[in-house]
């Protein structure tokens, strides 16, 4: 009968970190981990807040008045 080697989430995380470090080296590992930063705040709420002033008509008017597009 086969036995299953069940690993905890912490064990999987630690193994993953070790494999990444071994495979990428120190600087590659750091660069990869920096990409996984989830940031802060709520992007959806922030976007909705700064977009409240815009309507389709306002955007079209801005595009029509933009001399770069003419």
Protein backbone atom coordinates (compact mmCIF):
# COMPACT_ATOMS: atom_id res chain seq x y z
CA UNK A 1 0.00 0.00 0.00
CA UNK A 2 1.25 3.48 -0.87
CA UNK A 3 1.40 6.16 1.77
CA UNK A 4 0.72 9.79 1.03
CA UNK A 5 3.24 12.29 2.31
CA UNK A 6 0.91 15.14 3.25
CA UNK A 7 2.69 18.44 3.74
CA UNK A 8 1.28 21.35 5.68
CA UNK A 9 0.87 24.75 4.01
CA UNK A 10 3.92 25.99 5.92
CA UNK A 11 6.05 23.07 4.69
CA UNK A 12 4.98 23.68 1.09
CA UNK A 13 5.74 27.40 1.46
CA UNK A 14 9.19 26.72 2.93
CA UNK A 15 10.01 24.18 0.20
CA UNK A 16 8.84 26.63 -2.49
CA UNK A 17 11.00 29.41 -1.08
CA UNK A 18 14.01 27.09 -0.98
CA UNK A 19 13.49 25.91 -4.57
CA UNK A 20 13.07 29.48 -5.82
CA UNK A 21 16.23 30.59 -4.04
CA UNK A 22 18.23 27.65 -5.38
CA UNK A 23 16.91 28.07 -8.91
CA UNK A 24 17.08 31.86 -9.21
CA UNK A 25 19.98 32.77 -6.95
CA UNK A 26 19.83 35.56 -4.38
CA UNK A 27 19.15 38.52 -6.67
CA UNK A 28 16.65 36.64 -8.86
CA UNK A 29 14.86 35.38 -5.78
CA UNK A 30 14.56 38.90 -4.36
CA UNK A 31 13.29 40.28 -7.68
CA UNK A 32 10.69 37.52 -7.90
CA UNK A 33 9.46 38.05 -4.33
CA UNK A 34 9.19 41.81 -4.95
CA UNK A 35 6.84 41.10 -7.86
CA UNK A 36 4.52 39.21 -5.51
CA UNK A 37 3.90 42.31 -3.37
CA UNK A 38 0.15 42.75 -3.13
CA UNK A 39 0.44 46.47 -2.54
CA UNK A 40 -1.91 48.31 -0.28
CA UNK A 41 -5.33 49.85 -0.43
CA UNK A 42 -8.28 48.89 -2.57
CA UNK A 43 -7.68 49.51 -6.27
CA UNK A 44 -11.36 49.22 -7.20
CA UNK A 45 -12.48 51.79 -4.64
CA UNK A 46 -9.60 54.13 -5.52
CA UNK A 47 -10.36 53.88 -9.24
CA UNK A 48 -14.06 54.50 -8.72
CA UNK A 49 -13.28 57.55 -6.62
CA UNK A 50 -11.03 59.29 -9.16
CA UNK A 51 -13.28 58.31 -12.06
CA UNK A 52 -16.44 59.83 -10.55
CA UNK A 53 -15.76 63.11 -12.34
CA UNK A 54 -15.72 61.43 -15.75
CA UNK A 55 -18.64 60.67 -17.99
CA UNK A 56 -18.61 59.47 -21.58
CA UNK A 57 -19.52 62.98 -22.73
CA UNK A 58 -16.71 64.55 -20.67
CA UNK A 59 -14.16 62.10 -22.05
CA UNK A 60 -15.30 62.68 -25.64
CA UNK A 61 -15.17 66.45 -25.14
CA UNK A 62 -11.66 66.19 -23.74
CA UNK A 63 -10.58 64.08 -26.71
CA UNK A 64 -12.11 66.55 -29.16
CA UNK A 65 -10.35 69.49 -27.47
CA UNK A 66 -6.99 67.74 -27.32
CA UNK A 67 -4.78 69.28 -29.99
CA UNK A 68 -2.61 66.15 -30.10
CA UNK A 69 -5.46 64.25 -31.72
CA UNK A 70 -6.14 66.86 -34.41
